[in-house]
Amino acid sequence: MGALRAAGLATELEFQIPGQSTWASLQTVCAMDYLSSFNLIDIMGFMTAAFAVVLALPLMLSRDRSQARPFLAGFILIQGCLALWGVLTWSPVLSIATRDLLSPFEHVPSIVLLGLQGPMLLWYSYGISGKPVRPSWFDKTIIGMFVLLPAPIAWLASSQGIWSFIVCGSLGWLISIVYAIRALRQVYDHNREIRQRYSNIDERKLLWLGYLAFGFIGVWCMALSAGVVGIFNEELAGTIGMLSTFPVAILVCCMAVLGMSRGVRVMDRQETKAFRHTANGSTTYFNPEMIEKLDHLMSSVKLHQDPDLHLDGLADSMGISSRSLSALINGHYKQNFYDFVNEYRVRDAQRQLKDPELKSKAIQRIFEDAGFNSKSTFNTFFKKVTGRTPSEYRKTAYSEFDVHLGGSAQ
């Protein structure tokens, strides 16, 4: 039957493509027919793999030797390899050849990669937030299991066919989700800790990484559900699996671009450890002279107007350790460093907004002079403290001032 179809194609081609030999024309149409057999999922898989290689290379070749970049590059490459291997093992065009060549081990590479992607994401979250990357015994056990066991399991369970892959794959997706949740927790801890040391945190927040981790959790939950549903309904599982492949390319691109462009200044490990101790400490006595000196530096010297003011710099100005200053702010003022400094900035902005001589001064100039470097942060804090927006506050202050002048004139 195949020979008859080839002969028919050859006869047709001689008529349609004059100037070409029958064999050359047959090769052309067969190639076109072969490429047209790839579906949208296959194309997305190839695109994701290509994006991953292109985006990971700058990270691997960069002169920046921060501990976070290798893990970011590794995570991105794993996503690309998973996408490519998915095409090789599930594409109607390539899966038969892959199975013939590698059976019963055709799914082993994807199982190994599933065991590595979760730890890579967690370690990247550690690295970018300044936490030392030290694999725990749990991490080593998980990686060892997924690297060493899939091949023997595939060989021993070869008679079970796809079932061994469904079980191992579902376990891999589940472990990946657990690691992504741990990465989210690390992002949350980092965003909370920087409030204890910095007065402006916009450049140090890792909200973008949290959003991307949520995205990967969603994709991995869909992949996990596809494996479970596949036990009962292969068609529905295929639909879920197809839907889970499309967001990966977008998430990979966003993670690479944001990881390279949004560098984060992180805390020194020793300082982080000291701050954690004082933040949870139980010190109840604070030197009144230190409280008075701190208030003088903030109210009179106006150190809060420095947009880059941080805990260490303020501690140096007071002549005490950052640990002691953190304990003073947490214990006496019942605030973290971020809220403490920005409250002084709001008071400074209030003073400027109700000053008649500064009526023509733009609100942006006011919040910048007060020490804020973000309009959204300023508006949020101002409304939190005063209950009004800056514009409303200025308008009310001038109205009260006019009423006061009118009463004085009478």
Protein backbone atom coordinates (compact mmCIF):
# COMPACT_ATOMS: atom_id res chain seq x y z
CA MET A 1 0.00 0.00 0.00
CA GLY A 2 2.85 2.41 0.84
CA ALA A 3 4.55 1.65 -2.49
CA LEU A 4 1.35 2.32 -4.39
CA ARG A 5 0.87 5.66 -2.58
CA ALA A 6 4.49 6.62 -3.36
CA ALA A 7 4.03 5.73 -7.00
CA GLY A 8 0.83 7.76 -7.15
CA LEU A 9 2.56 10.72 -5.54
CA ALA A 10 5.44 10.42 -7.99
CA THR A 11 3.09 10.42 -11.00
CA GLU A 12 1.24 13.43 -9.64
CA LEU A 13 4.45 15.26 -8.92
CA GLU A 14 5.83 14.82 -12.39
CA PHE A 15 2.82 16.72 -13.60
CA GLN A 16 2.83 19.38 -10.88
CA ILE A 17 6.55 20.15 -10.60
CA PRO A 18 8.09 20.11 -14.07
CA GLY A 19 11.87 20.39 -14.17
CA GLN A 20 12.34 18.14 -11.12
CA SER A 21 13.03 14.47 -11.13
CA THR A 22 10.36 12.15 -9.82
CA TRP A 23 12.47 11.21 -6.77
CA ALA A 24 13.31 14.84 -5.89
CA SER A 25 9.68 15.84 -6.21
CA LEU A 26 8.61 12.88 -4.08
CA GLN A 27 11.12 13.89 -1.41
CA THR A 28 9.78 17.45 -1.40
CA VAL A 29 6.15 16.44 -0.92
CA CYS A 30 7.02 13.77 1.65
CA ALA A 31 8.94 16.38 3.64
CA MET A 32 6.00 18.79 3.47
CA ASP A 33 3.62 16.01 4.44
CA TYR A 34 5.90 15.07 7.35
CA LEU A 35 6.12 18.63 8.67
CA SER A 36 2.37 19.11 8.38
CA SER A 37 1.90 16.11 10.69
CA PHE A 38 3.16 18.13 13.67
CA ASN A 39 0.31 19.57 15.70
CA LEU A 40 0.16 22.79 17.71
CA ILE A 41 1.41 21.09 20.88
CA ASP A 42 4.50 19.81 19.05
CA ILE A 43 5.23 23.29 17.71
CA MET A 44 4.86 24.80 21.18
CA GLY A 45 7.23 22.17 22.55
CA PHE A 46 9.88 22.98 19.98
CA MET A 47 9.44 26.71 20.59
CA THR A 48 9.76 26.30 24.37
CA ALA A 49 12.93 24.26 23.96
CA ALA A 50 14.41 26.87 21.60
CA PHE A 51 13.48 29.73 23.93
CA ALA A 52 15.03 27.90 26.87
CA VAL A 53 18.38 27.44 25.12
CA VAL A 54 18.49 31.02 23.84
CA LEU A 55 17.59 32.46 27.25
CA ALA A 56 19.81 30.18 29.33
CA LEU A 57 22.99 30.79 27.33
CA PRO A 58 23.44 34.44 28.45
CA LEU A 59 22.96 33.33 32.04
CA MET A 60 25.60 30.63 31.75
CA LEU A 61 28.07 32.90 29.91
CA SER A 62 27.53 35.94 32.12
CA ARG A 63 30.44 37.27 34.16
CA ASP A 64 28.08 37.75 37.07
CA ARG A 65 29.00 34.88 39.38
CA SER A 66 26.12 35.24 41.82
CA GLN A 67 24.93 31.95 43.24
CA ALA A 68 21.42 32.49 41.85
CA ARG A 69 22.18 32.57 38.11
CA PRO A 70 23.33 28.94 37.66
CA PHE A 71 20.11 27.72 39.25
CA LEU A 72 18.02 30.02 37.06
CA ALA A 73 19.84 28.76 33.95
CA GLY A 74 19.41 25.18 35.11
CA PHE A 75 15.70 25.60 35.78
CA ILE A 76 15.11 27.20 32.38
CA LEU A 77 17.03 24.46 30.58
CA ILE A 78 15.06 21.79 32.42
CA GLN A 79 11.81 23.38 31.19
CA GLY A 80 13.15 23.35 27.64
CA CYS A 81 14.30 19.73 27.89
CA LEU A 82 10.95 18.64 29.33
CA ALA A 83 9.13 20.36 26.46
CA LEU A 84 11.42 18.78 23.85
CA TRP A 85 11.22 15.33 25.38
CA GLY A 86 7.46 15.65 25.55
CA VAL A 87 7.42 16.12 21.77
CA LEU A 88 9.74 13.15 21.24
CA THR A 89 7.64 10.81 23.35
CA TRP A 90 4.09 11.98 22.64
CA SER A 91 4.15 13.45 19.12
CA PRO A 92 2.33 11.26 16.55
CA VAL A 93 5.28 11.86 14.23
CA LEU A 94 8.23 11.11 16.53
CA SER A 95 6.92 8.97 19.38
CA ILE A 96 7.06 5.67 17.48
CA ALA A 97 10.72 6.18 16.55
CA THR A 98 11.58 7.23 20.11
CA ARG A 99 9.80 4.20 21.54
CA ASP A 100 11.49 1.83 19.11
CA LEU A 101 14.89 3.27 19.92
CA LEU A 102 14.70 3.60 23.71
CA SER A 103 11.95 1.27 24.94
CA PRO A 104 11.35 0.62 27.82
CA PHE A 105 13.38 3.67 28.91
CA GLU A 106 11.79 6.34 26.70
CA HIS A 107 10.18 8.12 29.67
CA VAL A 108 13.17 7.94 32.02
CA PRO A 109 14.71 11.34 31.00
CA SER A 110 11.45 13.19 31.68
CA ILE A 111 11.11 11.52 35.11
CA VAL A 112 14.67 12.56 36.00
CA LEU A 113 13.99 16.14 34.90
CA LEU A 114 10.80 16.24 36.96
CA GLY A 115 12.83 15.36 40.03
CA LEU A 116 15.27 18.21 39.36
CA GLN A 117 13.00 21.11 38.42
CA GLY A 118 11.52 21.64 41.91
CA PRO A 119 14.87 21.82 43.75
CA MET A 120 16.24 24.15 41.06
CA LEU A 121 13.37 26.58 41.60
CA LEU A 122 13.77 26.47 45.38
CA TRP A 123 17.54 26.97 45.22
CA TYR A 124 17.10 29.88 42.84
CA SER A 125 14.74 31.52 45.34
CA TYR A 126 17.40 30.97 48.03
CA GLY A 127 20.18 32.39 45.88
CA ILE A 128 18.37 35.52 44.72
CA SER A 129 17.28 36.35 48.28
CA GLY A 130 20.78 35.94 49.71
CA LYS A 131 20.19 32.70 51.58
CA PRO A 132 23.02 30.16 51.25
CA VAL A 133 22.12 27.17 49.10
CA ARG A 134 22.72 24.07 51.18
CA PRO A 135 20.79 21.00 50.03
CA SER A 136 19.14 19.24 52.94
CA TRP A 137 19.03 15.48 53.41
CA PHE A 138 15.48 15.60 52.02
CA ASP A 139 16.69 17.36 48.85
CA LYS A 140 19.51 14.86 48.38
CA THR A 141 17.14 11.93 48.92
CA ILE A 142 14.60 13.24 46.40
CA ILE A 143 17.22 13.94 43.75
CA GLY A 144 18.88 10.57 44.33
CA MET A 145 15.55 8.78 43.95
CA PHE A 146 14.64 10.53 40.72
CA VAL A 147 18.10 10.14 39.19
CA LEU A 148 18.82 6.52 40.16
CA LEU A 149 15.46 4.74 40.33
CA PRO A 150 13.52 5.57 37.12
CA ALA A 151 15.64 3.35 34.85
CA PRO A 152 15.43 0.22 37.06
CA ILE A 153 11.71 0.82 37.60
CA ALA A 154 11.15 1.19 33.85
CA TRP A 155 13.00 -2.07 33.20
CA LEU A 156 11.27 -4.04 35.97
CA ALA A 157 7.84 -2.64 35.14
CA SER A 158 8.19 -2.83 31.35
CA SER A 159 5.28 -5.25 31.22
CA GLN A 160 3.06 -2.59 32.80
CA GLY A 161 3.65 -0.20 29.90
CA ILE A 162 2.44 3.35 30.48
CA TRP A 163 1.27 2.72 34.04
CA SER A 164 4.73 2.90 35.57
CA PHE A 165 5.27 6.24 33.84
CA ILE A 166 1.94 7.60 35.10
CA VAL A 167 2.78 6.68 38.69
CA CYS A 168 6.36 8.03 38.57
CA GLY A 169 5.34 11.10 36.58
CA SER A 170 2.52 11.97 38.97
CA LEU A 171 4.93 11.64 41.88
CA GLY A 172 7.39 13.92 40.04
CA TRP A 173 4.77 16.61 39.46
CA LEU A 174 3.65 16.35 43.09
CA ILE A 175 7.21 16.79 44.36
CA SER A 176 7.68 19.76 42.03
CA ILE A 177 4.57 21.41 43.47
CA VAL A 178 5.85 20.89 47.01
CA TYR A 179 9.16 22.55 46.12
CA ALA A 180 7.38 25.44 44.40
CA ILE A 181 5.36 26.03 47.57
CA ARG A 182 8.62 26.07 49.53
CA ALA A 183 9.98 28.63 47.05
CA LEU A 184 6.86 30.76 47.63
CA ARG A 185 7.50 30.59 51.37
CA GLN A 186 11.08 31.75 50.83
CA VAL A 187 9.84 34.69 48.75
CA TYR A 188 7.39 35.59 51.51
CA ASP A 189 10.10 35.39 54.17
CA HIS A 190 12.44 37.54 52.09
CA ASN A 191 9.82 40.23 51.49
CA ARG A 192 9.10 40.30 55.21
CA GLU A 193 12.76 40.41 56.25
CA ILE A 194 13.73 43.33 54.04
CA ARG A 195 11.19 45.46 55.92
CA GLN A 196 13.42 45.07 58.96
CA ARG A 197 16.51 46.46 57.25
CA TYR A 198 15.58 48.85 54.44
CA SER A 199 13.45 51.97 54.16
CA ASN A 200 12.79 51.54 50.42
CA ILE A 201 12.16 47.98 49.33
CA ASP A 202 10.81 48.29 45.78
CA GLU A 203 14.09 47.14 44.22
CA ARG A 204 14.45 44.29 46.68
CA LYS A 205 10.97 42.78 46.65
CA LEU A 206 10.56 39.44 44.90
CA LEU A 207 6.85 39.68 44.11
CA TRP A 208 7.55 38.84 40.48
CA LEU A 209 9.17 35.54 41.49
CA GLY A 210 6.18 34.75 43.68
CA TYR A 211 3.79 35.34 40.78
CA LEU A 212 5.85 33.13 38.47
CA ALA A 213 6.03 30.39 41.11
CA PHE A 214 2.23 30.55 41.33
CA GLY A 215 2.13 30.19 37.55
CA PHE A 216 4.32 27.09 37.56
CA ILE A 217 2.27 25.61 40.41
CA GLY A 218 -0.83 26.03 38.26
CA VAL A 219 0.80 24.37 35.25
CA TRP A 220 2.19 21.53 37.34
CA CYS A 221 -1.19 20.94 39.01
CA MET A 222 -2.73 20.62 35.55
CA ALA A 223 -0.02 18.15 34.52
CA LEU A 224 -0.56 16.16 37.72
CA SER A 225 -4.31 16.08 37.17
CA ALA A 226 -3.75 14.95 33.57
CA GLY A 227 -1.77 11.95 34.84
CA VAL A 228 -4.47 11.02 37.35
CA VAL A 229 -7.35 11.57 34.93
CA GLY A 230 -5.51 9.50 32.32
CA ILE A 231 -6.23 6.40 34.38
CA PHE A 232 -9.94 6.83 33.67
CA ASN A 233 -10.24 9.01 30.56
CA GLU A 234 -7.31 9.26 28.14
CA GLU A 235 -9.04 11.81 25.89
CA LEU A 236 -9.73 14.25 28.74
CA ALA A 237 -6.19 13.73 30.06
CA GLY A 238 -4.82 14.63 26.65
CA THR A 239 -6.86 17.85 26.61
CA ILE A 240 -5.62 18.84 30.08
CA GLY A 241 -2.04 18.01 29.13
CA MET A 242 -2.37 20.11 25.97
CA LEU A 243 -3.65 23.11 27.94
CA SER A 244 -0.78 22.80 30.44
CA THR A 245 1.88 23.09 27.72
CA PHE A 246 0.93 26.53 26.41
CA PRO A 247 1.78 28.68 29.47
CA VAL A 248 5.23 27.14 29.92
CA ALA A 249 6.89 29.09 27.10
CA ILE A 250 5.51 32.36 28.47
CA LEU A 251 6.55 31.56 32.04
CA VAL A 252 10.06 30.56 30.93
CA CYS A 253 10.52 33.79 28.97
CA CYS A 254 9.23 35.94 31.82
CA MET A 255 11.42 34.20 34.37
CA ALA A 256 14.56 34.59 32.28
CA VAL A 257 13.95 38.24 31.43
CA LEU A 258 12.96 39.26 34.96
CA GLY A 259 15.73 37.19 36.52
CA MET A 260 18.34 38.96 34.39
CA SER A 261 16.90 42.47 34.51
CA ARG A 262 15.62 42.77 38.08
CA GLY A 263 18.72 42.27 40.18
CA VAL A 264 18.16 42.21 43.91
CA ARG A 265 20.43 43.68 46.55
CA VAL A 266 20.31 41.20 49.36
CA MET A 267 21.30 41.05 52.96
CA ASP A 268 24.48 39.61 54.27
CA ARG A 269 23.83 36.24 55.88
CA GLN A 270 25.30 37.21 59.25
CA GLU A 271 23.21 40.39 59.35
CA THR A 272 20.10 38.44 58.43
CA LYS A 273 20.71 36.01 61.26
CA ALA A 274 21.20 38.88 63.72
CA PHE A 275 18.03 40.64 62.64
CA ARG A 276 15.96 37.46 62.96
CA HIS A 277 17.17 37.03 66.50
CA THR A 278 16.28 40.56 67.53
CA ALA A 279 12.98 40.59 65.67
CA ASN A 280 11.82 37.68 67.80
CA GLY A 281 13.65 38.69 70.95
CA SER A 282 12.11 39.59 74.28
CA THR A 283 14.17 42.65 75.31
CA THR A 284 11.95 45.01 77.33
CA TYR A 285 14.35 47.78 78.51
CA PHE A 286 15.61 50.45 76.14
CA ASN A 287 17.99 53.27 76.97
CA PRO A 288 16.03 56.58 76.96
CA GLU A 289 19.11 58.35 75.59
CA MET A 290 19.09 56.06 72.57
CA ILE A 291 15.40 56.72 71.98
CA GLU A 292 15.97 60.48 72.20
CA LYS A 293 18.99 60.29 69.90
CA LEU A 294 17.06 58.25 67.35
CA ASP A 295 14.18 60.74 67.38
CA HIS A 296 16.66 63.63 66.97
CA LEU A 297 18.31 61.99 63.95
CA MET A 298 14.96 61.38 62.30
CA SER A 299 13.09 64.59 63.23
CA SER A 300 15.87 67.22 63.27
CA VAL A 301 18.69 65.83 61.14
CA LYS A 302 16.05 64.28 58.86
CA LEU A 303 17.99 61.14 57.95
CA HIS A 304 14.71 59.75 56.63
CA GLN A 305 15.08 62.01 53.59
CA ASP A 306 17.86 59.72 52.31
CA PRO A 307 16.01 57.32 49.97
CA ASP A 308 18.74 54.70 50.45
CA LEU A 309 18.67 54.79 54.25
CA HIS A 310 19.07 51.32 55.71
CA LEU A 311 19.41 49.80 59.14
CA ASP A 312 23.20 49.58 59.10
CA GLY A 313 23.62 53.23 58.08
CA LEU A 314 21.27 54.50 60.76
CA ALA A 315 22.95 52.26 63.35
CA ASP A 316 26.36 53.74 62.41
CA SER A 317 24.97 57.26 62.87
CA MET A 318 23.80 56.30 66.35
CA GLY A 319 27.03 54.53 67.24
CA ILE A 320 25.33 51.21 68.04
CA SER A 321 25.07 47.85 66.32
CA SER A 322 22.37 47.14 63.79
CA ARG A 323 21.17 44.36 66.04
CA SER A 324 20.62 46.79 68.93
CA LEU A 325 18.86 49.30 66.69
CA SER A 326 16.59 46.59 65.29
CA ALA A 327 15.69 45.52 68.82
CA LEU A 328 14.96 49.15 69.77
CA ILE A 329 12.65 49.76 66.80
CA ASN A 330 10.88 46.40 67.10
CA GLY A 331 10.54 46.55 70.87
CA HIS A 332 9.93 50.21 71.72
CA TYR A 333 8.14 51.44 68.61
CA LYS A 334 6.47 48.09 67.80
CA GLN A 335 7.33 48.58 64.13
CA ASN A 336 9.69 47.15 61.58
CA PHE A 337 12.39 49.39 60.12
CA TYR A 338 10.50 49.94 56.86
CA ASP A 339 7.32 51.21 58.55
CA PHE A 340 9.30 53.21 61.13
CA VAL A 341 11.23 55.27 58.56
CA ASN A 342 8.33 55.74 56.17
CA GLU A 343 6.13 57.08 58.95
CA TYR A 344 8.65 59.90 59.43
CA ARG A 345 8.58 60.46 55.68
CA VAL A 346 4.80 60.78 55.73
CA ARG A 347 5.03 63.34 58.54
CA ASP A 348 7.58 65.28 56.48
CA ALA A 349 5.25 65.15 53.46
CA GLN A 350 2.33 66.33 55.62
CA ARG A 351 4.34 69.34 56.76
CA GLN A 352 5.15 70.27 53.17
CA LEU A 353 1.63 69.70 51.86
CA LYS A 354 0.03 72.09 54.36
CA ASP A 355 2.71 74.78 54.08
CA PRO A 356 1.18 77.74 52.14
CA GLU A 357 4.61 78.74 50.92
CA LEU A 358 4.95 75.36 49.17
CA LYS A 359 1.54 75.54 47.51
CA SER A 360 3.04 75.47 44.01
CA LYS A 361 5.40 72.57 44.80
CA ALA A 362 4.44 69.42 42.91
CA ILE A 363 3.41 66.41 44.99
CA GLN A 364 6.05 64.32 43.22
CA ARG A 365 8.77 66.72 44.40
CA ILE A 366 7.34 66.57 47.90
CA PHE A 367 7.42 62.80 48.23
CA GLU A 368 10.89 62.60 46.65
CA ASP A 369 12.24 65.25 49.05
CA ALA A 370 10.67 63.32 51.95
CA GLY A 371 12.67 60.22 50.97
CA PHE A 372 10.18 58.15 49.00
CA ASN A 373 11.32 56.85 45.63
CA SER A 374 7.99 55.36 44.54
CA LYS A 375 4.71 57.19 44.04
CA SER A 376 2.66 54.05 44.75
CA THR A 377 4.52 53.42 48.02
CA PHE A 378 4.06 57.05 49.04
CA ASN A 379 0.32 57.03 48.29
CA THR A 380 -0.16 53.75 50.14
CA PHE A 381 1.68 54.88 53.26
CA PHE A 382 0.17 58.36 53.24
CA LYS A 383 -3.39 57.05 53.14
CA LYS A 384 -2.54 54.44 55.77
CA VAL A 385 -1.33 57.13 58.19
CA THR A 386 -3.73 60.00 57.40
CA GLY A 387 -6.74 58.24 55.94
CA ARG A 388 -6.64 60.55 52.89
CA THR A 389 -4.79 60.83 49.62
CA PRO A 390 -2.06 63.50 49.36
CA SER A 391 -4.26 65.65 47.09
CA GLU A 392 -7.21 65.43 49.48
CA TYR A 393 -4.96 66.22 52.44
CA ARG A 394 -3.49 69.31 50.73
CA LYS A 395 -6.92 70.57 49.70
CA THR A 396 -8.29 70.13 53.23
CA ALA A 397 -5.25 71.78 54.81
CA TYR A 398 -5.55 74.87 52.57
CA SER A 399 -9.31 75.11 53.27
CA GLU A 400 -8.66 75.07 57.00
CA PHE A 401 -5.90 77.64 56.54
CA ASP A 402 -8.24 79.95 54.61
CA VAL A 403 -10.92 79.60 57.28
CA HIS A 404 -8.37 80.42 59.95
CA LEU A 405 -7.27 83.56 58.07
CA GLY A 406 -10.86 84.66 57.60
CA GLY A 407 -11.55 84.27 61.31
CA SER A 408 -8.43 86.23 62.22
CA ALA A 409 -9.39 89.09 59.88
CA GLN A 410 -12.75 89.44 61.56
